[in-house]
Amino acid sequence: MTVPIVLFTADLRVHDHPPLRAALASAKEVVPLFVRDAAIDAAGFATPNRRAFLADCLTDLDAALRDRGGRLVVRSGNTVEQVCRVATEVDAHEVHMAAGVSRFALLRETRLREAVESAGLRLRVHDAVTTAVSPGAVTPAGSDHFAVFTPYFRRWSQVFGRSPSAAPRAVRVPSDVASEELPSRASVTGVSEGLAAGGENEGRRRATAWWRTGLAEYEDRHDDLAGDATSRLSPHLHFGTLSAAELVHRARRAGGAGAEAFVRQLCWRDFHHQVLAARPAAAVADYRTQHDRWRSEAAASQEIAAWKEGRTGYPVVDAAMRQLSHEGWMHNRGRLLTASFLTKTLYVDWRIGARHFLDLLVDGDIANNQLNWQWVAGTGTDSRPNRVLNPVLQGKRYDPDGTYVRRWVPELAGIAGTAVHEPWKLPGLERAQYDYPDPVVALSDGRDRFQRARGRAG
């Protein structure tokens, strides 16, 4: 019997892995393959934080396979060429892989299908491996996708029903198929100092710990900046070290308001994937244009630099941007605030902010990053495109004691209570004690400029 290949991409786990399970059902031996494709580097996706996290994930995946008698085969080069090369080496008859939604993933799948089928092999693409529900599995009447979340959530809840599968007990790999050395985190430079560890084992450990301590309170506390009460599982969902379907299944089994709130967040992730699958151009172009004439990057260069460095003069914005720089991750409420500030208070193109986030975020996912940025900028699926989030009011609401701000903006640690959100209002001598910039723009001026640009002034 010939040997099937399981091509791992954004599904770096052994639990609840339909491609691996299907391959093992058809043969005694399989080739678990991961290709380090230079095209990902060329496209700008292989940033230091994600490369370091990926190294952790591959090391952990290899260890999990070795525990079951197998190993991970790693190759470098063009994915299509490497798959075909391995297929020739082991006389493979089929290739299994998870479906993707990005342009890169769809083009890779198309080229791989053409190549393997011309060689007499079969490509089996498995849905709902990286998402809980496949993009396109539910559609409204008269359209190929949902543009509004609430009706999507209702339909999504009705169709979701897949129970997660256990990890295989044994994985046998041909002994003569060659592999490169695994990449290591230590070899990656430019990594954020506080970047979390990757890998399925770490993801499952983190999920179990949060299930015990955070799930029940999630509905009430997920916007608490200082409390850091979110699951922090997004990097593991992005790399597929955790199964979205398994998390939904576990949350619904646990029940309660916190679990349902968490399920809604998982559904938001699927929502964005089905939007991008139907509208691939939304990765770079407005989903719903507001005919913006964004300030040029040159004209706004100083404000953009201040935003990136966490020196805008608005403490909660700066705290979130510094968290991003240090951890390669940012609290979700912080993502909303910083994106609103850049696009609506500074009136800078959302693509500039989205690119900076992708440069640093370990969970930098094209569907979620780009479409969340558009949602905030008012060019995406949001029904209130002119909403502006006030960073002072938001800071006082979601960081009422200023703990989050003082954690990430330590130069303001001496300011007590909510006054830390408005340091420019301190009396002259007291204000002079703090080495912290004044606001790059008055909120009223930013709001007026934005309203004029959107034709809503007066």
Protein backbone atom coordinates (compact mmCIF):
# COMPACT_ATOMS: atom_id res chain seq x y z
CA MET A 1 0.00 0.00 0.00
CA THR A 2 1.29 3.48 -0.86
CA VAL A 3 1.83 6.18 1.76
CA PRO A 4 -0.39 9.27 2.10
CA ILE A 5 1.10 12.69 2.90
CA VAL A 6 -0.43 14.97 5.52
CA LEU A 7 0.58 18.55 4.72
CA PHE A 8 0.50 20.62 7.89
CA THR A 9 -0.02 24.35 7.45
CA ALA A 10 -1.97 26.32 10.07
CA ASP A 11 -3.06 23.16 11.93
CA LEU A 12 -0.01 22.21 14.00
CA ARG A 13 -1.55 19.66 16.36
CA VAL A 14 -2.43 16.01 16.70
CA HIS A 15 -5.72 16.39 18.60
CA ASP A 16 -8.89 16.82 16.52
CA HIS A 17 -7.01 16.77 13.23
CA PRO A 18 -9.25 15.47 10.40
CA PRO A 19 -6.50 15.28 7.71
CA LEU A 20 -4.22 13.19 9.92
CA ARG A 21 -7.06 10.93 11.05
CA ALA A 22 -8.26 10.37 7.46
CA ALA A 23 -4.74 9.55 6.28
CA LEU A 24 -4.19 7.08 9.11
CA ALA A 25 -7.49 5.39 8.30
CA SER A 26 -6.30 4.61 4.78
CA ALA A 27 -2.74 3.40 5.36
CA LYS A 28 -0.34 1.88 7.87
CA GLU A 29 2.22 4.65 7.36
CA VAL A 30 1.90 8.38 6.67
CA VAL A 31 4.26 11.28 6.08
CA PRO A 32 3.46 14.26 8.33
CA LEU A 33 5.04 17.07 6.30
CA PHE A 34 5.67 20.74 6.96
CA VAL A 35 7.22 22.94 4.28
CA ARG A 36 9.08 26.10 5.19
CA ASP A 37 8.01 28.04 2.09
CA ALA A 38 10.14 31.03 1.10
CA ALA A 39 7.05 32.59 -0.47
CA ILE A 40 5.75 33.26 3.04
CA ASP A 41 8.90 35.25 3.76
CA ALA A 42 8.55 37.10 0.47
CA ALA A 43 4.94 37.98 1.28
CA GLY A 44 5.99 39.47 4.61
CA PHE A 45 4.16 36.96 6.79
CA ALA A 46 7.21 35.38 8.42
CA THR A 47 7.86 38.07 11.02
CA PRO A 48 10.17 37.39 14.00
CA ASN A 49 7.41 36.80 16.55
CA ARG A 50 5.53 34.36 14.36
CA ARG A 51 8.73 32.60 13.27
CA ALA A 52 9.72 32.10 16.92
CA PHE A 53 6.26 30.85 17.88
CA LEU A 54 6.23 28.59 14.80
CA ALA A 55 9.54 27.06 15.88
CA ASP A 56 7.98 26.18 19.23
CA CYS A 57 4.96 24.69 17.47
CA LEU A 58 7.00 22.52 15.11
CA THR A 59 9.21 21.26 17.93
CA ASP A 60 6.14 20.35 19.95
CA LEU A 61 4.40 18.72 16.99
CA ASP A 62 7.46 16.63 16.27
CA ALA A 63 7.59 15.55 19.94
CA ALA A 64 3.90 14.58 19.89
CA LEU A 65 4.41 12.50 16.76
CA ARG A 66 7.51 10.84 18.23
CA ASP A 67 5.51 9.93 21.33
CA ARG A 68 3.29 7.99 18.93
CA GLY A 69 6.12 6.32 17.06
CA GLY A 70 6.42 8.86 14.25
CA ARG A 71 8.10 12.20 13.53
CA LEU A 72 7.60 15.41 11.59
CA VAL A 73 9.24 15.73 8.19
CA VAL A 74 10.41 19.28 7.53
CA ARG A 75 11.47 20.56 4.12
CA SER A 76 12.31 24.01 2.78
CA GLY A 77 11.37 25.42 -0.61
CA ASN A 78 8.27 25.80 -2.73
CA THR A 79 5.40 23.90 -1.11
CA VAL A 80 4.13 22.36 -4.34
CA GLU A 81 7.59 21.22 -5.40
CA GLN A 82 8.41 19.74 -2.00
CA VAL A 83 5.12 17.86 -1.73
CA CYS A 84 5.63 16.37 -5.18
CA ARG A 85 9.21 15.44 -4.29
CA VAL A 86 8.17 13.66 -1.12
CA ALA A 87 5.31 11.98 -2.99
CA THR A 88 7.81 10.52 -5.45
CA GLU A 89 10.13 9.39 -2.66
CA VAL A 90 7.45 7.42 -0.79
CA ASP A 91 5.18 6.52 -3.73
CA ALA A 92 2.31 8.51 -2.21
CA HIS A 93 -1.19 8.08 -3.59
CA GLU A 94 -2.88 11.06 -1.94
CA VAL A 95 -2.22 14.27 -0.05
CA HIS A 96 -4.35 15.52 2.83
CA MET A 97 -4.45 19.14 3.98
CA ALA A 98 -6.68 21.67 5.71
CA ALA A 99 -8.60 24.27 3.72
CA GLY A 100 -7.55 27.92 3.99
CA VAL A 101 -9.19 31.22 3.05
CA SER A 102 -6.39 33.70 2.33
CA ARG A 103 -5.30 34.39 -1.24
CA PHE A 104 -1.98 32.77 -0.47
CA ALA A 105 -3.66 29.62 0.86
CA LEU A 106 -6.12 29.39 -2.03
CA LEU A 107 -3.40 29.86 -4.63
CA ARG A 108 -1.25 27.22 -2.91
CA GLU A 109 -4.16 24.79 -2.93
CA THR A 110 -4.91 25.44 -6.61
CA ARG A 111 -1.31 24.91 -7.67
CA LEU A 112 -0.93 21.86 -5.48
CA ARG A 113 -4.08 20.28 -6.88
CA GLU A 114 -2.90 20.82 -10.45
CA ALA A 115 0.51 19.33 -9.69
CA VAL A 116 -0.55 16.25 -7.74
CA GLU A 117 -3.45 15.38 -10.01
CA SER A 118 -1.23 15.65 -13.08
CA ALA A 119 1.05 13.16 -11.31
CA GLY A 120 -1.85 10.78 -10.74
CA LEU A 121 -2.31 11.60 -7.06
CA ARG A 122 -5.40 12.78 -5.22
CA LEU A 123 -5.61 15.93 -3.12
CA ARG A 124 -8.09 15.80 -0.24
CA VAL A 125 -8.80 19.19 1.30
CA HIS A 126 -10.54 19.02 4.67
CA ASP A 127 -12.93 21.73 5.85
CA ALA A 128 -13.43 23.02 9.39
CA VAL A 129 -9.89 22.22 10.51
CA THR A 130 -8.72 25.78 11.19
CA THR A 131 -12.23 27.11 11.89
CA ALA A 132 -15.19 25.69 13.80
CA VAL A 133 -17.53 26.00 10.79
CA SER A 134 -16.27 26.12 7.23
CA PRO A 135 -16.53 29.40 5.30
CA GLY A 136 -19.49 29.06 2.99
CA ALA A 137 -21.15 26.36 5.06
CA VAL A 138 -23.91 28.82 5.88
CA THR A 139 -25.06 31.59 3.56
CA PRO A 140 -28.02 33.97 3.53
CA ALA A 141 -30.57 33.99 0.76
CA GLY A 142 -29.26 35.86 -2.26
CA SER A 143 -25.63 36.16 -1.16
CA ASP A 144 -22.49 34.07 -0.88
CA HIS A 145 -21.69 35.24 2.65
CA PHE A 146 -23.07 37.00 5.71
CA ALA A 147 -22.15 40.66 6.14
CA VAL A 148 -23.89 41.04 9.53
CA PHE A 149 -22.70 39.08 12.53
CA THR A 150 -25.91 38.40 14.49
CA PRO A 151 -27.79 36.45 11.79
CA TYR A 152 -24.55 34.63 10.99
CA PHE A 153 -24.18 33.64 14.63
CA ARG A 154 -27.73 32.23 14.67
CA ARG A 155 -27.13 30.09 11.58
CA TRP A 156 -23.61 29.15 12.67
CA SER A 157 -24.99 27.92 16.00
CA GLN A 158 -27.50 25.74 14.20
CA VAL A 159 -25.01 24.02 11.91
CA PHE A 160 -22.15 23.52 14.35
CA GLY A 161 -22.20 19.99 15.64
CA ARG A 162 -18.91 18.27 14.96
CA SER A 163 -17.53 16.46 17.98
CA PRO A 164 -13.75 16.68 18.31
CA SER A 165 -11.69 13.57 17.66
CA ALA A 166 -8.96 12.26 19.93
CA ALA A 167 -5.30 12.28 19.03
CA PRO A 168 -4.16 9.10 17.29
CA ARG A 169 -2.47 6.50 19.46
CA ALA A 170 0.11 5.59 16.85
CA VAL A 171 1.63 7.36 13.85
CA ARG A 172 4.10 5.37 11.75
CA VAL A 173 6.36 7.20 9.31
CA PRO A 174 8.62 5.60 6.68
CA SER A 175 12.13 5.48 8.10
CA ASP A 176 13.86 6.44 4.86
CA VAL A 177 12.13 9.78 4.20
CA ALA A 178 14.60 12.58 4.94
CA SER A 179 13.91 15.67 7.02
CA GLU A 180 15.72 18.89 7.78
CA GLU A 181 16.49 19.95 11.32
CA LEU A 182 13.66 21.64 13.16
CA PRO A 183 13.91 25.44 13.45
CA SER A 184 14.56 26.84 16.91
CA ARG A 185 13.30 29.95 18.64
CA ALA A 186 16.86 30.75 19.70
CA SER A 187 17.86 31.27 16.06
CA VAL A 188 15.29 34.02 15.50
CA THR A 189 16.33 37.63 16.13
CA GLY A 190 14.06 40.60 16.77
CA VAL A 191 11.58 38.66 18.90
CA SER A 192 9.44 40.55 21.41
CA GLU A 193 10.87 40.12 24.89
CA GLY A 194 7.63 38.89 26.43
CA LEU A 195 6.50 36.60 23.60
CA ALA A 196 4.57 33.60 24.94
CA ALA A 197 5.59 30.01 24.29
CA GLY A 198 4.03 28.13 21.38
CA GLY A 199 3.07 24.53 20.73
CA GLU A 200 0.06 22.28 21.18
CA ASN A 201 1.12 21.16 24.64
CA GLU A 202 1.38 24.75 25.83
CA GLY A 203 -1.91 25.66 24.13
CA ARG A 204 -3.79 22.83 25.80
CA ARG A 205 -2.20 23.63 29.16
CA ARG A 206 -3.21 27.28 28.83
CA ALA A 207 -6.73 26.40 27.71
CA THR A 208 -7.26 24.01 30.63
CA ALA A 209 -5.97 26.52 33.18
CA TRP A 210 -8.16 29.30 31.80
CA TRP A 211 -11.16 26.96 31.66
CA ARG A 212 -10.83 26.52 35.41
CA THR A 213 -10.18 30.14 36.35
CA GLY A 214 -11.46 32.45 33.61
CA LEU A 215 -14.30 30.99 31.56
CA ALA A 216 -17.12 31.53 34.07
CA GLU A 217 -16.27 35.24 34.47
CA TYR A 218 -15.47 35.88 30.82
CA GLU A 219 -18.69 37.72 29.96
CA ASP A 220 -18.19 40.22 32.79
CA ARG A 221 -14.44 40.61 32.57
CA HIS A 222 -13.30 40.22 28.96
CA ASP A 223 -12.96 44.00 28.53
CA ASP A 224 -11.07 44.47 31.80
CA LEU A 225 -7.70 45.77 30.61
CA ALA A 226 -5.89 45.48 33.91
CA GLY A 227 -7.49 42.16 34.84
CA ASP A 228 -6.11 40.50 31.69
CA ALA A 229 -9.12 38.17 31.80
CA THR A 230 -9.18 37.04 28.17
CA SER A 231 -8.11 33.53 27.25
CA ARG A 232 -4.96 34.52 25.30
CA LEU A 233 -5.62 31.55 23.04
CA SER A 234 -5.62 33.52 19.78
CA PRO A 235 -1.99 32.63 18.87
CA HIS A 236 -2.83 28.95 19.30
CA LEU A 237 -5.90 29.30 17.11
CA HIS A 238 -3.85 31.11 14.47
CA PHE A 239 -1.24 28.34 14.31
CA GLY A 240 -3.83 25.62 14.80
CA THR A 241 -2.25 24.17 17.92
CA LEU A 242 -5.77 24.29 19.31
CA SER A 243 -8.91 23.26 17.45
CA ALA A 244 -11.61 25.92 17.24
CA ALA A 245 -14.22 23.16 16.97
CA GLU A 246 -12.93 21.51 20.13
CA LEU A 247 -13.01 24.81 22.03
CA VAL A 248 -16.61 25.46 20.98
CA HIS A 249 -17.55 21.90 21.98
CA ARG A 250 -15.87 22.24 25.38
CA ALA A 251 -17.39 25.66 26.07
CA ARG A 252 -20.90 24.53 25.28
CA ARG A 253 -20.44 21.49 27.42
CA ALA A 254 -19.34 23.75 30.30
CA GLY A 255 -22.31 26.09 29.79
CA GLY A 256 -23.06 29.42 31.40
CA ALA A 257 -22.91 33.06 30.34
CA GLY A 258 -19.12 33.15 30.25
CA ALA A 259 -18.95 30.13 27.99
CA GLU A 260 -21.54 31.57 25.61
CA ALA A 261 -19.66 34.87 25.44
CA PHE A 262 -16.50 32.94 24.59
CA VAL A 263 -18.33 30.97 21.89
CA ARG A 264 -19.45 34.26 20.34
CA GLN A 265 -15.82 35.34 20.09
CA LEU A 266 -14.95 32.09 18.35
CA CYS A 267 -17.85 32.71 16.02
CA TRP A 268 -16.53 36.20 15.24
CA ARG A 269 -13.34 34.52 14.07
CA ASP A 270 -15.31 32.24 11.74
CA PHE A 271 -17.39 35.22 10.60
CA HIS A 272 -14.31 37.08 9.40
CA HIS A 273 -12.98 33.97 7.68
CA GLN A 274 -16.20 33.55 5.70
CA VAL A 275 -16.16 37.23 4.71
CA LEU A 276 -12.58 36.99 3.44
CA ALA A 277 -13.27 33.69 1.67
CA ALA A 278 -16.05 35.40 -0.28
CA ARG A 279 -14.25 38.73 -0.71
CA PRO A 280 -10.48 38.06 -0.92
CA ALA A 281 -9.81 41.66 -1.95
CA ALA A 282 -10.89 42.80 1.54
CA ALA A 283 -7.39 41.91 2.72
CA VAL A 284 -6.13 45.06 1.02
CA ALA A 285 -9.18 47.05 -0.10
CA ASP A 286 -12.22 48.55 1.63
CA TYR A 287 -15.06 46.10 2.02
CA ARG A 288 -17.46 49.07 2.01
CA THR A 289 -15.75 52.22 0.89
CA GLN A 290 -16.44 55.51 2.65
CA HIS A 291 -14.49 57.32 -0.10
CA ASP A 292 -11.88 58.35 2.44
CA ARG A 293 -9.05 60.64 1.49
CA TRP A 294 -6.73 59.49 4.22
CA ARG A 295 -3.89 61.73 5.30
CA SER A 296 -0.76 60.76 3.47
CA GLU A 297 1.84 58.71 5.29
CA ALA A 298 4.32 61.57 4.82
CA ALA A 299 1.96 64.20 6.22
CA ALA A 300 1.11 62.09 9.26
CA SER A 301 4.59 60.59 9.75
CA GLN A 302 5.24 62.09 13.18
CA GLU A 303 1.86 61.03 14.56
CA ILE A 304 2.24 57.53 13.06
CA ALA A 305 5.65 57.19 14.68
CA ALA A 306 4.26 58.35 18.03
CA TRP A 307 1.44 55.82 17.73
CA LYS A 308 3.81 52.96 16.96
CA GLU A 309 6.14 53.92 19.82
CA GLY A 310 3.40 54.43 22.40
CA ARG A 311 4.09 58.15 22.74
CA THR A 312 0.79 59.71 21.59
CA GLY A 313 0.11 61.43 24.92
CA TYR A 314 -3.01 59.32 25.48
CA PRO A 315 -1.99 56.83 28.18
CA VAL A 316 -4.36 53.95 27.43
CA VAL A 317 -3.44 54.04 23.73
CA ASP A 318 0.26 54.13 24.57
CA ALA A 319 -0.09 51.34 27.12
CA ALA A 320 -1.67 49.06 24.52
CA MET A 321 0.95 49.85 21.89
CA ARG A 322 3.73 49.13 24.35
CA GLN A 323 2.11 45.85 25.31
CA LEU A 324 2.11 44.94 21.61
CA SER A 325 5.79 45.75 21.28
CA HIS A 326 6.76 43.82 24.42
CA GLU A 327 4.54 40.74 24.08
CA GLY A 328 3.68 40.49 20.39
CA TRP A 329 0.09 40.44 21.59
CA MET A 330 -2.47 43.02 22.70
CA HIS A 331 -5.65 42.91 24.74
CA ASN A 332 -8.70 42.98 22.47
CA ARG A 333 -10.08 46.20 23.98
CA GLY A 334 -6.66 47.75 23.40
CA ARG A 335 -6.81 46.71 19.74
CA LEU A 336 -10.12 48.52 19.32
CA LEU A 337 -8.84 51.67 21.04
CA THR A 338 -5.55 51.90 19.18
CA ALA A 339 -7.18 51.20 15.81
CA SER A 340 -9.88 53.81 16.39
CA PHE A 341 -7.28 56.35 17.45
CA LEU A 342 -5.17 55.83 14.33
CA THR A 343 -7.97 55.73 11.78
CA LYS A 344 -10.43 58.22 13.23
CA THR A 345 -8.60 60.55 15.58
CA LEU A 346 -5.45 60.76 13.43
CA TYR A 347 -7.32 59.92 10.20
CA VAL A 348 -4.63 57.57 8.93
CA ASP A 349 -5.32 54.73 6.48
CA TRP A 350 -6.27 51.51 8.27
CA ARG A 351 -3.81 49.57 6.10
CA ILE A 352 -0.87 51.32 7.79
CA GLY A 353 -2.08 50.18 11.20
CA ALA A 354 -2.95 46.70 9.98
CA ARG A 355 0.55 46.27 8.56
CA HIS A 356 2.16 47.33 11.85
CA PHE A 357 -0.02 44.88 13.74
CA LEU A 358 0.91 42.08 11.34
CA ASP A 359 4.58 42.93 11.84
CA LEU A 360 4.29 42.29 15.58
CA LEU A 361 1.24 40.19 16.43
CA VAL A 362 2.00 36.54 17.02
CA ASP A 363 -1.67 35.86 16.20
CA GLY A 364 -1.45 38.02 13.07
CA ASP A 365 -4.18 36.48 10.95
CA ILE A 366 -5.12 38.07 7.63
CA ALA A 367 -8.86 37.50 8.01
CA ASN A 368 -9.18 38.68 11.58
CA ASN A 369 -6.57 41.41 11.54
CA GLN A 370 -7.61 43.08 8.30
CA LEU A 371 -11.35 42.79 8.84
CA ASN A 372 -11.18 43.91 12.46
CA TRP A 373 -9.20 46.94 11.34
CA GLN A 374 -11.83 47.66 8.70
CA TRP A 375 -14.60 47.17 11.25
CA VAL A 376 -13.04 49.86 13.45
CA ALA A 377 -12.19 52.14 10.52
CA GLY A 378 -15.79 51.98 9.34
CA THR A 379 -14.90 50.49 5.94
CA GLY A 380 -15.84 46.92 6.85
CA THR A 381 -18.98 45.20 8.10
CA ASP A 382 -19.73 47.59 10.98
CA SER A 383 -23.18 49.19 10.70
CA ARG A 384 -21.90 52.32 12.51
CA PRO A 385 -18.98 53.42 10.32
CA ASN A 386 -18.62 56.82 11.96
CA ARG A 387 -18.27 55.59 15.55
CA VAL A 388 -15.23 57.11 17.30
CA LEU A 389 -13.89 55.61 20.53
CA ASN A 390 -12.77 58.27 23.01
CA PRO A 391 -9.53 56.97 24.59
CA VAL A 392 -10.00 58.97 27.80
CA LEU A 393 -13.54 57.75 28.43
CA GLN A 394 -12.63 54.23 27.35
CA GLY A 395 -9.61 54.24 29.64
CA LYS A 396 -11.68 55.35 32.62
CA ARG A 397 -14.29 52.71 31.85
CA TYR A 398 -12.06 49.69 31.18
CA ASP A 399 -9.06 50.65 33.33
CA PRO A 400 -10.79 52.65 36.08
CA ASP A 401 -7.92 52.49 38.56
CA GLY A 402 -5.27 53.11 35.92
CA THR A 403 -3.51 49.83 36.71
CA TYR A 404 -3.09 48.83 33.06
CA VAL A 405 -1.69 52.22 32.16
CA ARG A 406 0.80 52.25 35.00
CA ARG A 407 1.89 48.70 34.12
CA TRP A 408 2.87 49.66 30.58
CA VAL A 409 3.58 53.39 30.95
CA PRO A 410 5.71 53.32 34.11
CA GLU A 411 6.72 56.96 33.80
CA LEU A 412 3.16 57.77 34.92
CA ALA A 413 3.23 55.40 37.90
CA GLY A 414 3.20 58.28 40.36
CA ILE A 415 -0.21 59.53 39.23
CA ALA A 416 -3.01 58.07 41.33
CA GLY A 417 -6.47 56.98 40.24
CA THR A 418 -8.19 58.06 37.05
CA ALA A 419 -6.02 61.19 36.77
CA VAL A 420 -3.47 58.94 35.04
CA HIS A 421 -5.70 58.97 31.96
CA GLU A 422 -5.38 62.76 31.57
CA PRO A 423 -1.86 63.76 32.68
CA TRP A 424 -1.99 66.98 30.68
CA LYS A 425 -4.57 68.29 33.15
CA LEU A 426 -2.18 68.11 36.11
CA PRO A 427 -1.06 71.43 37.63
CA GLY A 428 2.06 72.87 35.99
CA LEU A 429 4.70 71.88 38.53
CA GLU A 430 3.24 68.43 39.02
CA ARG A 431 2.90 67.90 35.27
CA ALA A 432 6.56 68.83 34.81
CA GLN A 433 7.62 65.88 36.97
CA TYR A 434 6.56 63.35 34.34
CA ASP A 435 8.61 62.65 31.23
CA TYR A 436 5.61 61.97 29.07
CA PRO A 437 4.45 63.82 25.93
CA ASP A 438 1.41 66.03 25.58
CA PRO A 439 -1.31 64.69 23.24
CA VAL A 440 -0.33 64.66 19.58
CA VAL A 441 -3.75 66.08 18.78
CA ALA A 442 -6.73 67.31 20.78
CA LEU A 443 -9.57 64.80 20.64
CA SER A 444 -11.99 67.50 19.54
CA ASP A 445 -9.72 68.49 16.66
CA GLY A 446 -9.32 64.87 15.58
CA ARG A 447 -13.07 64.31 15.72
CA ASP A 448 -13.79 67.45 13.70
CA ARG A 449 -11.26 66.50 11.03
CA PHE A 450 -12.72 63.02 10.77
CA GLN A 451 -16.28 64.30 10.49
CA ARG A 452 -15.30 66.77 7.81
CA ALA A 453 -13.53 64.03 5.88
CA ARG A 454 -16.58 61.80 6.07
CA GLY A 455 -18.87 64.67 5.11
CA ARG A 456 -20.64 64.82 8.47
CA ALA A 457 -19.45 68.20 9.74
CA GLY A 458 -22.03 70.64 10.99
